[in-house]
């Protein structure tokens, strides 16, 4: 089975590691990925992903630790303007030719395919509800004006009095007045 050229960078020959338990190898490279997306955040197709991993051979497995990183883009959840950032995912995984649980990645032959691991790690770190900036003021619920760009004069909405009975309640772990 042939591997697409773009994915070849994610293949690591681990034959020597598998023959010598206790040996290690550092793998550092950057390569493009296919489009990865969750809700309103994505890593566009062709984006260069930075991979910085440490491989260690065990008697019948390999540990893979390190980080993978990539820029992301999306839509701000408050103002609907473009948002972007940089995601860094920590990786600590185990590969084995005979995985006995779903938490162990399968290892077949002398080639370690890091592509599925890299994609999964990045997808899990993408923001589900991105912000263009931490202090984004969002859209005015009355007129739809982007409050980051202009003051429409509507101010904050008065609290809904139907919920007033709940204001005096205390919840475990919270103090009054919060």
N, C-alpha and C. Protein backbone atom coordinates (compact mmCIF):
# COMPACT_ATOMS: atom_id res chain seq x y z
N UNK A 1 0.85 -1.17 0.00
CA UNK A 1 0.00 0.00 0.00
C UNK A 1 0.90 1.24 0.00
N UNK A 2 0.65 2.14 -0.92
CA UNK A 2 1.51 3.32 -1.01
C UNK A 2 0.96 4.45 -0.14
N UNK A 3 1.88 5.22 0.39
CA UNK A 3 1.54 6.34 1.27
C UNK A 3 1.64 7.63 0.46
N UNK A 4 0.62 8.50 0.53
CA UNK A 4 0.71 9.77 -0.19
C UNK A 4 1.98 10.54 0.21
N UNK A 5 2.55 11.26 -0.73
CA UNK A 5 3.81 11.98 -0.49
C UNK A 5 3.72 12.92 0.71
N UNK A 6 2.58 13.59 0.89
CA UNK A 6 2.44 14.53 2.00
C UNK A 6 2.50 13.83 3.35
N UNK A 7 2.16 12.55 3.38
CA UNK A 7 2.15 11.82 4.66
C UNK A 7 3.46 11.10 4.94
N UNK A 8 4.35 11.03 3.98
CA UNK A 8 5.62 10.31 4.18
C UNK A 8 6.47 10.91 5.29
N UNK A 9 6.38 12.22 5.49
CA UNK A 9 7.16 12.87 6.54
C UNK A 9 6.78 12.35 7.92
N UNK A 10 5.58 11.83 8.06
CA UNK A 10 5.10 11.33 9.35
C UNK A 10 5.48 9.88 9.61
N UNK A 11 6.12 9.24 8.65
CA UNK A 11 6.59 7.86 8.82
C UNK A 11 7.99 7.87 9.39
N UNK A 12 8.20 7.12 10.46
CA UNK A 12 9.50 7.05 11.12
C UNK A 12 9.94 5.60 11.16
N UNK A 13 11.14 5.33 10.66
CA UNK A 13 11.68 3.98 10.71
C UNK A 13 12.16 3.71 12.14
N UNK A 14 11.57 2.69 12.76
CA UNK A 14 11.90 2.38 14.16
C UNK A 14 12.51 0.98 14.30
N UNK A 15 13.00 0.42 13.21
CA UNK A 15 13.57 -0.93 13.23
C UNK A 15 14.68 -1.05 14.27
N UNK A 16 15.59 -0.11 14.27
CA UNK A 16 16.72 -0.16 15.21
C UNK A 16 16.25 -0.03 16.66
N UNK A 17 15.30 0.83 16.90
CA UNK A 17 14.75 0.98 18.26
C UNK A 17 14.11 -0.32 18.74
N UNK A 18 13.35 -0.96 17.87
CA UNK A 18 12.65 -2.19 18.26
C UNK A 18 13.61 -3.33 18.57
N UNK A 19 14.79 -3.32 17.94
CA UNK A 19 15.79 -4.38 18.19
C UNK A 19 16.57 -4.14 19.47
N UNK A 20 16.55 -2.90 19.98
CA UNK A 20 17.38 -2.56 21.14
C UNK A 20 16.57 -1.83 22.21
N UNK A 21 15.84 -2.58 23.06
CA UNK A 21 15.08 -1.93 24.13
C UNK A 21 15.98 -1.03 24.98
N UNK A 22 15.44 0.10 25.39
CA UNK A 22 16.20 1.05 26.19
C UNK A 22 16.80 2.17 25.37
N UNK A 23 16.82 2.04 24.06
CA UNK A 23 17.37 3.09 23.21
C UNK A 23 16.30 4.15 22.96
N UNK A 24 16.77 5.35 22.63
CA UNK A 24 15.86 6.46 22.40
C UNK A 24 16.21 7.15 21.09
N UNK A 25 15.25 7.94 20.62
CA UNK A 25 15.45 8.72 19.40
C UNK A 25 14.55 9.94 19.45
N UNK A 26 15.08 11.09 19.11
CA UNK A 26 14.28 12.30 19.00
C UNK A 26 13.87 12.51 17.55
N UNK A 27 12.62 12.88 17.38
CA UNK A 27 12.06 13.11 16.04
C UNK A 27 11.53 14.54 16.02
N UNK A 28 12.14 15.40 15.21
CA UNK A 28 11.72 16.79 15.10
C UNK A 28 11.59 17.13 13.62
N UNK A 29 10.40 17.57 13.22
CA UNK A 29 10.17 17.96 11.83
C UNK A 29 8.89 18.79 11.74
N UNK A 30 8.67 19.38 10.60
CA UNK A 30 7.38 20.01 10.33
C UNK A 30 6.92 19.53 8.96
N UNK A 31 5.62 19.35 8.85
CA UNK A 31 5.04 18.83 7.61
C UNK A 31 3.58 19.26 7.53
N UNK A 32 3.04 19.33 6.32
CA UNK A 32 1.65 19.76 6.16
C UNK A 32 0.66 18.64 6.52
N UNK A 33 -0.51 19.07 6.97
CA UNK A 33 -1.59 18.13 7.28
C UNK A 33 -2.80 18.44 6.42
N UNK A 34 -3.71 17.48 6.37
CA UNK A 34 -5.00 17.71 5.73
C UNK A 34 -5.82 18.60 6.66
N UNK A 35 -6.93 19.12 6.18
CA UNK A 35 -7.78 19.99 6.99
C UNK A 35 -8.29 19.23 8.20
N UNK A 36 -8.14 19.85 9.38
CA UNK A 36 -8.67 19.32 10.63
C UNK A 36 -9.64 20.35 11.17
N UNK A 37 -10.82 19.92 11.66
CA UNK A 37 -11.79 20.90 12.13
C UNK A 37 -12.66 20.35 13.24
N UNK A 38 -13.04 21.24 14.16
CA UNK A 38 -14.05 20.98 15.19
C UNK A 38 -14.91 22.24 15.29
N UNK A 39 -16.19 22.09 15.32
CA UNK A 39 -17.16 23.18 15.45
C UNK A 39 -16.72 24.43 14.67
N UNK A 40 -16.19 25.44 15.36
CA UNK A 40 -15.84 26.71 14.72
C UNK A 40 -14.34 26.97 14.65
N UNK A 41 -13.51 25.95 14.80
CA UNK A 41 -12.05 26.12 14.70
C UNK A 41 -11.50 25.06 13.76
N UNK A 42 -10.44 25.43 13.04
CA UNK A 42 -9.87 24.48 12.07
C UNK A 42 -8.39 24.77 11.84
N UNK A 43 -7.71 23.73 11.41
CA UNK A 43 -6.35 23.85 10.90
C UNK A 43 -6.49 23.61 9.41
N UNK A 44 -6.29 24.65 8.59
CA UNK A 44 -6.53 24.51 7.15
C UNK A 44 -5.60 23.49 6.50
N UNK A 45 -6.07 22.91 5.42
CA UNK A 45 -5.27 21.94 4.66
C UNK A 45 -3.97 22.60 4.22
N UNK A 46 -2.89 21.85 4.37
CA UNK A 46 -1.58 22.33 3.95
C UNK A 46 -0.83 23.09 5.03
N UNK A 47 -1.47 23.30 6.18
CA UNK A 47 -0.79 24.00 7.28
C UNK A 47 0.36 23.15 7.80
N UNK A 48 1.49 23.80 8.02
CA UNK A 48 2.67 23.11 8.56
C UNK A 48 2.48 22.87 10.06
N UNK A 49 2.64 21.63 10.45
CA UNK A 49 2.53 21.22 11.84
C UNK A 49 3.93 20.92 12.36
N UNK A 50 4.24 21.46 13.52
CA UNK A 50 5.54 21.19 14.14
C UNK A 50 5.44 19.97 15.04
N UNK A 51 6.35 19.03 14.83
CA UNK A 51 6.37 17.78 15.60
C UNK A 51 7.70 17.71 16.34
N UNK A 52 7.65 17.53 17.66
CA UNK A 52 8.85 17.42 18.48
C UNK A 52 8.61 16.29 19.47
N UNK A 53 9.07 15.10 19.12
CA UNK A 53 8.76 13.90 19.90
C UNK A 53 10.02 13.15 20.32
N UNK A 54 9.89 12.44 21.42
CA UNK A 54 10.96 11.60 21.94
C UNK A 54 10.44 10.17 21.95
N UNK A 55 11.13 9.27 21.25
CA UNK A 55 10.74 7.86 21.19
C UNK A 55 11.66 7.06 22.09
N UNK A 56 11.09 6.11 22.82
CA UNK A 56 11.88 5.23 23.67
C UNK A 56 11.41 3.80 23.48
N UNK A 57 12.37 2.91 23.26
CA UNK A 57 12.05 1.51 23.03
C UNK A 57 11.91 0.76 24.35
N UNK A 58 10.83 -0.01 24.45
CA UNK A 58 10.60 -0.92 25.56
C UNK A 58 10.75 -2.34 25.01
N UNK A 59 10.73 -3.37 25.84
CA UNK A 59 10.90 -4.72 25.30
C UNK A 59 9.91 -5.10 24.19
N UNK A 60 8.64 -4.65 24.29
CA UNK A 60 7.68 -5.00 23.24
C UNK A 60 6.79 -3.81 22.88
N UNK A 61 7.34 -2.60 22.96
CA UNK A 61 6.54 -1.42 22.67
C UNK A 61 7.46 -0.21 22.50
N UNK A 62 6.84 0.91 22.13
CA UNK A 62 7.53 2.20 22.03
C UNK A 62 6.71 3.24 22.78
N UNK A 63 7.39 4.10 23.55
CA UNK A 63 6.70 5.25 24.13
C UNK A 63 7.00 6.45 23.24
N UNK A 64 6.02 7.28 23.09
CA UNK A 64 6.14 8.51 22.30
C UNK A 64 5.69 9.66 23.18
N UNK A 65 6.60 10.59 23.47
CA UNK A 65 6.26 11.75 24.29
C UNK A 65 6.77 13.02 23.60
N UNK A 66 6.12 14.13 23.88
CA UNK A 66 6.56 15.39 23.30
C UNK A 66 5.38 16.29 23.00
N UNK A 67 5.55 17.11 21.96
CA UNK A 67 4.49 18.04 21.58
C UNK A 67 4.31 18.10 20.07
N UNK A 68 3.11 18.48 19.67
CA UNK A 68 2.81 18.82 18.28
C UNK A 68 2.13 20.18 18.32
N UNK A 69 2.40 21.02 17.34
CA UNK A 69 1.89 22.39 17.37
C UNK A 69 1.50 22.84 15.97
N UNK A 70 0.49 23.72 15.92
CA UNK A 70 0.04 24.25 14.63
C UNK A 70 -0.78 25.52 14.84
N UNK A 71 -0.79 26.40 13.86
CA UNK A 71 -1.69 27.55 13.92
C UNK A 71 -3.12 27.11 13.57
N UNK A 72 -4.11 27.77 14.15
CA UNK A 72 -5.50 27.48 13.85
C UNK A 72 -6.23 28.77 13.50
N UNK A 73 -7.38 28.61 12.89
CA UNK A 73 -8.24 29.75 12.58
C UNK A 73 -9.68 29.33 12.80
N UNK A 74 -10.54 30.33 12.98
CA UNK A 74 -11.94 30.01 13.19
C UNK A 74 -12.80 31.25 13.23
N UNK A 75 -13.98 31.12 13.85
CA UNK A 75 -14.93 32.20 13.98
C UNK A 75 -15.15 32.48 15.46
N UNK A 76 -15.01 33.73 15.87
CA UNK A 76 -15.18 34.11 17.27
C UNK A 76 -16.61 33.83 17.72
N UNK A 77 -16.75 33.22 18.86
CA UNK A 77 -18.07 32.86 19.38
C UNK A 77 -18.88 34.07 19.84
N UNK A 78 -18.23 35.20 20.10
CA UNK A 78 -18.94 36.37 20.59
C UNK A 78 -19.27 37.39 19.51
N UNK A 79 -18.31 37.69 18.63
CA UNK A 79 -18.53 38.75 17.64
C UNK A 79 -18.62 38.22 16.20
N UNK A 80 -18.37 36.94 16.00
CA UNK A 80 -18.44 36.28 14.70
C UNK A 80 -17.39 36.76 13.70
N UNK A 81 -16.37 37.45 14.19
CA UNK A 81 -15.25 37.88 13.36
C UNK A 81 -14.22 36.74 13.30
N UNK A 82 -13.27 36.82 12.37
CA UNK A 82 -12.23 35.78 12.32
C UNK A 82 -11.42 35.74 13.62
N UNK A 83 -11.08 34.53 14.02
CA UNK A 83 -10.24 34.30 15.20
C UNK A 83 -9.10 33.39 14.79
N UNK A 84 -7.98 33.51 15.46
CA UNK A 84 -6.84 32.64 15.14
C UNK A 84 -5.96 32.50 16.37
N UNK A 85 -5.12 31.51 16.34
CA UNK A 85 -4.22 31.27 17.47
C UNK A 85 -3.24 30.16 17.12
N UNK A 86 -2.61 29.64 18.14
CA UNK A 86 -1.61 28.59 17.98
C UNK A 86 -1.92 27.51 19.02
N UNK A 87 -2.09 26.30 18.58
CA UNK A 87 -2.39 25.20 19.48
C UNK A 87 -1.14 24.34 19.67
N UNK A 88 -0.88 23.97 20.93
CA UNK A 88 0.22 23.07 21.26
C UNK A 88 -0.37 21.92 22.05
N UNK A 89 -0.19 20.71 21.54
CA UNK A 89 -0.74 19.52 22.19
C UNK A 89 0.38 18.67 22.77
N UNK A 90 0.26 18.35 24.04
CA UNK A 90 1.21 17.44 24.68
C UNK A 90 0.84 16.01 24.31
N UNK A 91 1.85 15.20 24.04
CA UNK A 91 1.64 13.83 23.61
C UNK A 91 2.38 12.87 24.56
N UNK A 92 1.68 11.88 25.04
CA UNK A 92 2.27 10.79 25.81
C UNK A 92 1.50 9.53 25.43
N UNK A 93 2.09 8.73 24.55
CA UNK A 93 1.38 7.58 24.01
C UNK A 93 2.28 6.35 23.99
N UNK A 94 1.63 5.20 23.85
CA UNK A 94 2.32 3.92 23.78
C UNK A 94 1.91 3.22 22.49
N UNK A 95 2.90 2.70 21.76
CA UNK A 95 2.67 1.92 20.55
C UNK A 95 3.14 0.50 20.80
N UNK A 96 2.36 -0.48 20.34
CA UNK A 96 2.74 -1.88 20.52
C UNK A 96 2.28 -2.71 19.33
N UNK A 97 3.08 -3.74 18.97
CA UNK A 97 2.64 -4.62 17.89
C UNK A 97 1.44 -5.47 18.31
N UNK A 98 1.23 -5.60 19.60
CA UNK A 98 0.11 -6.40 20.12
C UNK A 98 -0.67 -5.60 21.15
N UNK A 99 -1.39 -4.54 20.71
CA UNK A 99 -2.12 -3.71 21.67
C UNK A 99 -3.23 -4.52 22.35
N UNK A 100 -3.31 -4.40 23.66
CA UNK A 100 -4.35 -5.13 24.39
C UNK A 100 -5.42 -4.20 24.98
N UNK A 101 -5.40 -2.92 24.55
CA UNK A 101 -6.46 -2.00 24.94
C UNK A 101 -6.59 -0.92 23.87
N UNK A 102 -7.68 -0.18 23.97
CA UNK A 102 -7.92 0.90 23.00
C UNK A 102 -7.01 2.09 23.23
N UNK A 103 -6.31 2.12 24.36
CA UNK A 103 -5.44 3.24 24.68
C UNK A 103 -4.02 3.05 24.17
N UNK A 104 -3.76 1.91 23.55
CA UNK A 104 -2.43 1.63 22.98
C UNK A 104 -2.56 1.67 21.47
N UNK A 105 -1.67 2.43 20.83
CA UNK A 105 -1.68 2.55 19.38
C UNK A 105 -1.05 1.30 18.76
N UNK A 106 -1.60 0.82 17.65
CA UNK A 106 -1.00 -0.35 16.99
C UNK A 106 0.29 0.01 16.25
N UNK A 107 1.24 -0.88 16.31
CA UNK A 107 2.52 -0.72 15.63
C UNK A 107 2.69 -1.93 14.72
N UNK A 108 2.75 -1.67 13.42
CA UNK A 108 2.92 -2.80 12.49
C UNK A 108 4.18 -2.59 11.68
N UNK A 109 5.03 -3.58 11.69
CA UNK A 109 6.27 -3.50 10.94
C UNK A 109 7.28 -2.58 11.59
N UNK A 110 8.18 -2.06 10.77
CA UNK A 110 9.26 -1.21 11.26
C UNK A 110 8.99 0.27 11.05
N UNK A 111 7.80 0.62 10.56
CA UNK A 111 7.45 2.02 10.31
C UNK A 111 6.41 2.48 11.32
N UNK A 112 6.72 3.56 11.99
CA UNK A 112 5.79 4.18 12.93
C UNK A 112 5.10 5.33 12.19
N UNK A 113 3.78 5.21 12.02
CA UNK A 113 3.02 6.26 11.33
C UNK A 113 2.48 7.23 12.38
N UNK A 114 3.09 8.41 12.45
CA UNK A 114 2.71 9.41 13.44
C UNK A 114 1.52 10.26 13.02
N UNK A 115 1.10 10.17 11.75
CA UNK A 115 0.05 11.04 11.25
C UNK A 115 -1.25 10.94 12.05
N UNK A 116 -1.79 9.74 12.30
CA UNK A 116 -3.04 9.67 13.08
C UNK A 116 -2.88 10.25 14.49
N UNK A 117 -1.76 10.01 15.12
CA UNK A 117 -1.50 10.55 16.46
C UNK A 117 -1.47 12.08 16.43
N UNK A 118 -0.76 12.65 15.47
CA UNK A 118 -0.65 14.11 15.35
C UNK A 118 -2.03 14.72 15.12
N UNK A 119 -2.79 14.16 14.21
CA UNK A 119 -4.13 14.69 13.92
C UNK A 119 -5.04 14.62 15.14
N UNK A 120 -5.04 13.50 15.83
CA UNK A 120 -5.90 13.35 17.00
C UNK A 120 -5.50 14.33 18.11
N UNK A 121 -4.22 14.45 18.36
CA UNK A 121 -3.75 15.36 19.41
C UNK A 121 -4.15 16.80 19.11
N UNK A 122 -4.00 17.23 17.86
CA UNK A 122 -4.37 18.60 17.50
C UNK A 122 -5.88 18.82 17.58
N UNK A 123 -6.64 17.84 17.11
CA UNK A 123 -8.11 17.97 17.14
C UNK A 123 -8.62 18.12 18.57
N UNK A 124 -8.01 17.39 19.49
CA UNK A 124 -8.44 17.46 20.89
C UNK A 124 -8.11 18.80 21.54
N UNK A 125 -7.14 19.51 21.01
CA UNK A 125 -6.73 20.80 21.58
C UNK A 125 -7.35 22.01 20.89
N UNK A 126 -7.97 21.82 19.74
CA UNK A 126 -8.61 22.95 19.05
C UNK A 126 -9.72 23.52 19.93
N UNK A 127 -9.86 24.84 19.99
CA UNK A 127 -10.92 25.42 20.83
C UNK A 127 -12.30 25.14 20.24
N UNK A 128 -13.21 24.68 21.09
CA UNK A 128 -14.57 24.42 20.63
C UNK A 128 -15.36 25.71 20.43
N UNK A 129 -15.02 26.73 21.21
CA UNK A 129 -15.68 28.03 21.13
C UNK A 129 -14.61 29.11 21.08
N UNK A 130 -14.01 29.35 19.92
CA UNK A 130 -12.89 30.29 19.82
C UNK A 130 -13.28 31.74 20.13
N UNK A 131 -12.29 32.48 20.59
CA UNK A 131 -12.44 33.91 20.80
C UNK A 131 -11.40 34.64 19.96
N UNK A 132 -11.78 35.80 19.41
CA UNK A 132 -10.82 36.59 18.64
C UNK A 132 -9.80 37.23 19.58
N UNK A 133 -10.23 37.50 20.82
CA UNK A 133 -9.35 37.99 21.88
C UNK A 133 -10.07 37.76 23.21
N UNK A 134 -9.32 37.70 24.29
CA UNK A 134 -9.91 37.37 25.59
C UNK A 134 -10.99 38.36 26.04
N UNK A 135 -10.82 39.63 25.70
CA UNK A 135 -11.78 40.64 26.15
C UNK A 135 -12.80 41.02 25.07
N UNK A 136 -13.10 40.12 24.17
CA UNK A 136 -14.06 40.39 23.10
C UNK A 136 -15.40 40.79 23.71
N UNK A 137 -15.93 41.93 23.27
CA UNK A 137 -17.20 42.44 23.80
C UNK A 137 -18.41 41.84 23.11
N UNK A 138 -18.23 41.19 21.97
CA UNK A 138 -19.32 40.53 21.28
C UNK A 138 -20.25 41.47 20.54
N UNK A 139 -21.41 40.93 20.18
CA UNK A 139 -22.42 41.69 19.44
C UNK A 139 -23.49 42.20 20.39
N UNK A 140 -24.03 43.36 20.10
CA UNK A 140 -25.14 43.90 20.89
C UNK A 140 -26.38 43.05 20.62
N UNK A 141 -27.04 42.56 21.67
CA UNK A 141 -28.22 41.73 21.46
C UNK A 141 -29.43 42.52 20.94
N UNK A 142 -29.37 43.84 21.02
CA UNK A 142 -30.47 44.68 20.56
C UNK A 142 -30.36 44.97 19.07
N UNK A 143 -29.17 45.45 18.63
CA UNK A 143 -29.04 45.93 17.25
C UNK A 143 -28.01 45.14 16.43
N UNK A 144 -27.22 44.30 17.08
CA UNK A 144 -26.24 43.49 16.34
C UNK A 144 -24.91 44.17 16.06
N UNK A 145 -24.70 45.36 16.60
CA UNK A 145 -23.44 46.07 16.40
C UNK A 145 -22.30 45.31 17.08
N UNK A 146 -21.16 45.24 16.39
CA UNK A 146 -19.97 44.64 16.98
C UNK A 146 -19.44 45.62 18.02
N UNK A 147 -19.54 45.26 19.29
CA UNK A 147 -19.14 46.16 20.38
C UNK A 147 -17.63 46.37 20.46
N UNK A 148 -16.85 45.60 19.73
CA UNK A 148 -15.41 45.83 19.67
C UNK A 148 -15.10 47.03 18.77
N UNK A 149 -16.01 47.33 17.85
CA UNK A 149 -15.77 48.38 16.87
C UNK A 149 -16.50 49.69 17.18
N UNK A 150 -17.65 49.59 17.85
CA UNK A 150 -18.44 50.80 18.10
C UNK A 150 -19.33 50.60 19.32
N UNK A 151 -19.67 51.73 19.97
CA UNK A 151 -20.61 51.71 21.09
C UNK A 151 -21.97 52.12 20.54
N UNK A 152 -22.90 51.20 20.54
CA UNK A 152 -24.22 51.48 19.98
C UNK A 152 -25.12 52.20 20.98
N UNK A 153 -24.69 52.27 22.25
CA UNK A 153 -25.46 52.99 23.25
C UNK A 153 -26.50 52.15 23.97
N UNK A 154 -26.63 50.90 23.62
CA UNK A 154 -27.65 50.09 24.27
C UNK A 154 -27.23 49.60 25.65
N UNK A 155 -25.97 49.55 25.94
CA UNK A 155 -25.50 49.10 27.26
C UNK A 155 -25.85 47.65 27.52
N UNK A 156 -25.73 47.29 28.79
CA UNK A 156 -26.05 45.91 29.19
C UNK A 156 -27.54 45.76 29.37
N UNK A 157 -28.03 44.61 29.06
CA UNK A 157 -29.44 44.30 29.21
C UNK A 157 -29.77 44.11 30.69
N UNK A 158 -30.94 44.56 31.12
CA UNK A 158 -31.38 44.36 32.50
C UNK A 158 -31.62 42.87 32.74
N UNK A 159 -31.32 42.37 33.95
CA UNK A 159 -31.53 40.95 34.21
C UNK A 159 -33.00 40.57 34.09
N UNK A 160 -33.25 39.37 33.68
CA UNK A 160 -34.61 38.85 33.52
C UNK A 160 -35.17 38.57 34.92
N UNK A 161 -36.21 39.27 35.30
CA UNK A 161 -36.78 39.16 36.65
C UNK A 161 -37.40 37.80 36.91
N UNK A 162 -37.65 37.03 35.90
CA UNK A 162 -38.22 35.69 36.12
C UNK A 162 -37.25 34.79 36.88
N UNK A 163 -35.96 35.13 36.87
CA UNK A 163 -34.94 34.34 37.55
C UNK A 163 -34.59 34.92 38.93
N UNK A 164 -35.26 35.96 39.36
CA UNK A 164 -34.94 36.65 40.60
C UNK A 164 -34.96 35.73 41.82
N UNK A 165 -35.85 34.76 41.85
CA UNK A 165 -35.96 33.84 42.99
C UNK A 165 -34.68 33.03 43.20
N UNK A 166 -33.88 32.86 42.17
CA UNK A 166 -32.65 32.08 42.28
C UNK A 166 -31.47 32.89 42.79
N UNK A 167 -31.58 34.21 42.84
CA UNK A 167 -30.45 35.06 43.22
C UNK A 167 -29.95 34.81 44.63
N UNK A 168 -30.80 34.41 45.55
CA UNK A 168 -30.40 34.21 46.94
C UNK A 168 -29.88 32.81 47.24
N UNK A 169 -29.91 31.92 46.28
CA UNK A 169 -29.48 30.54 46.52
C UNK A 169 -27.96 30.44 46.59
N UNK A 170 -27.48 29.56 47.47
CA UNK A 170 -26.06 29.26 47.54
C UNK A 170 -25.84 27.87 46.97
N UNK A 171 -24.78 27.70 46.27
CA UNK A 171 -24.42 26.41 45.71
C UNK A 171 -23.16 25.93 46.39
N UNK A 172 -23.00 24.61 46.52
CA UNK A 172 -21.80 24.07 47.16
C UNK A 172 -20.53 24.61 46.49
N UNK A 173 -19.58 25.05 47.31
CA UNK A 173 -18.31 25.55 46.80
C UNK A 173 -18.33 27.01 46.42
N UNK A 174 -19.48 27.68 46.54
CA UNK A 174 -19.58 29.09 46.21
C UNK A 174 -19.99 29.89 47.44
N UNK A 175 -19.51 31.08 47.56
CA UNK A 175 -19.92 31.97 48.65
C UNK A 175 -21.04 32.87 48.19
N UNK A 176 -21.67 33.54 49.11
CA UNK A 176 -22.73 34.49 48.75
C UNK A 176 -22.15 35.66 47.98
N UNK A 177 -22.98 36.26 47.17
CA UNK A 177 -22.60 37.47 46.47
C UNK A 177 -21.81 37.23 45.19
N UNK A 178 -21.69 36.02 44.77
CA UNK A 178 -20.98 35.74 43.51
C UNK A 178 -21.89 35.83 42.34
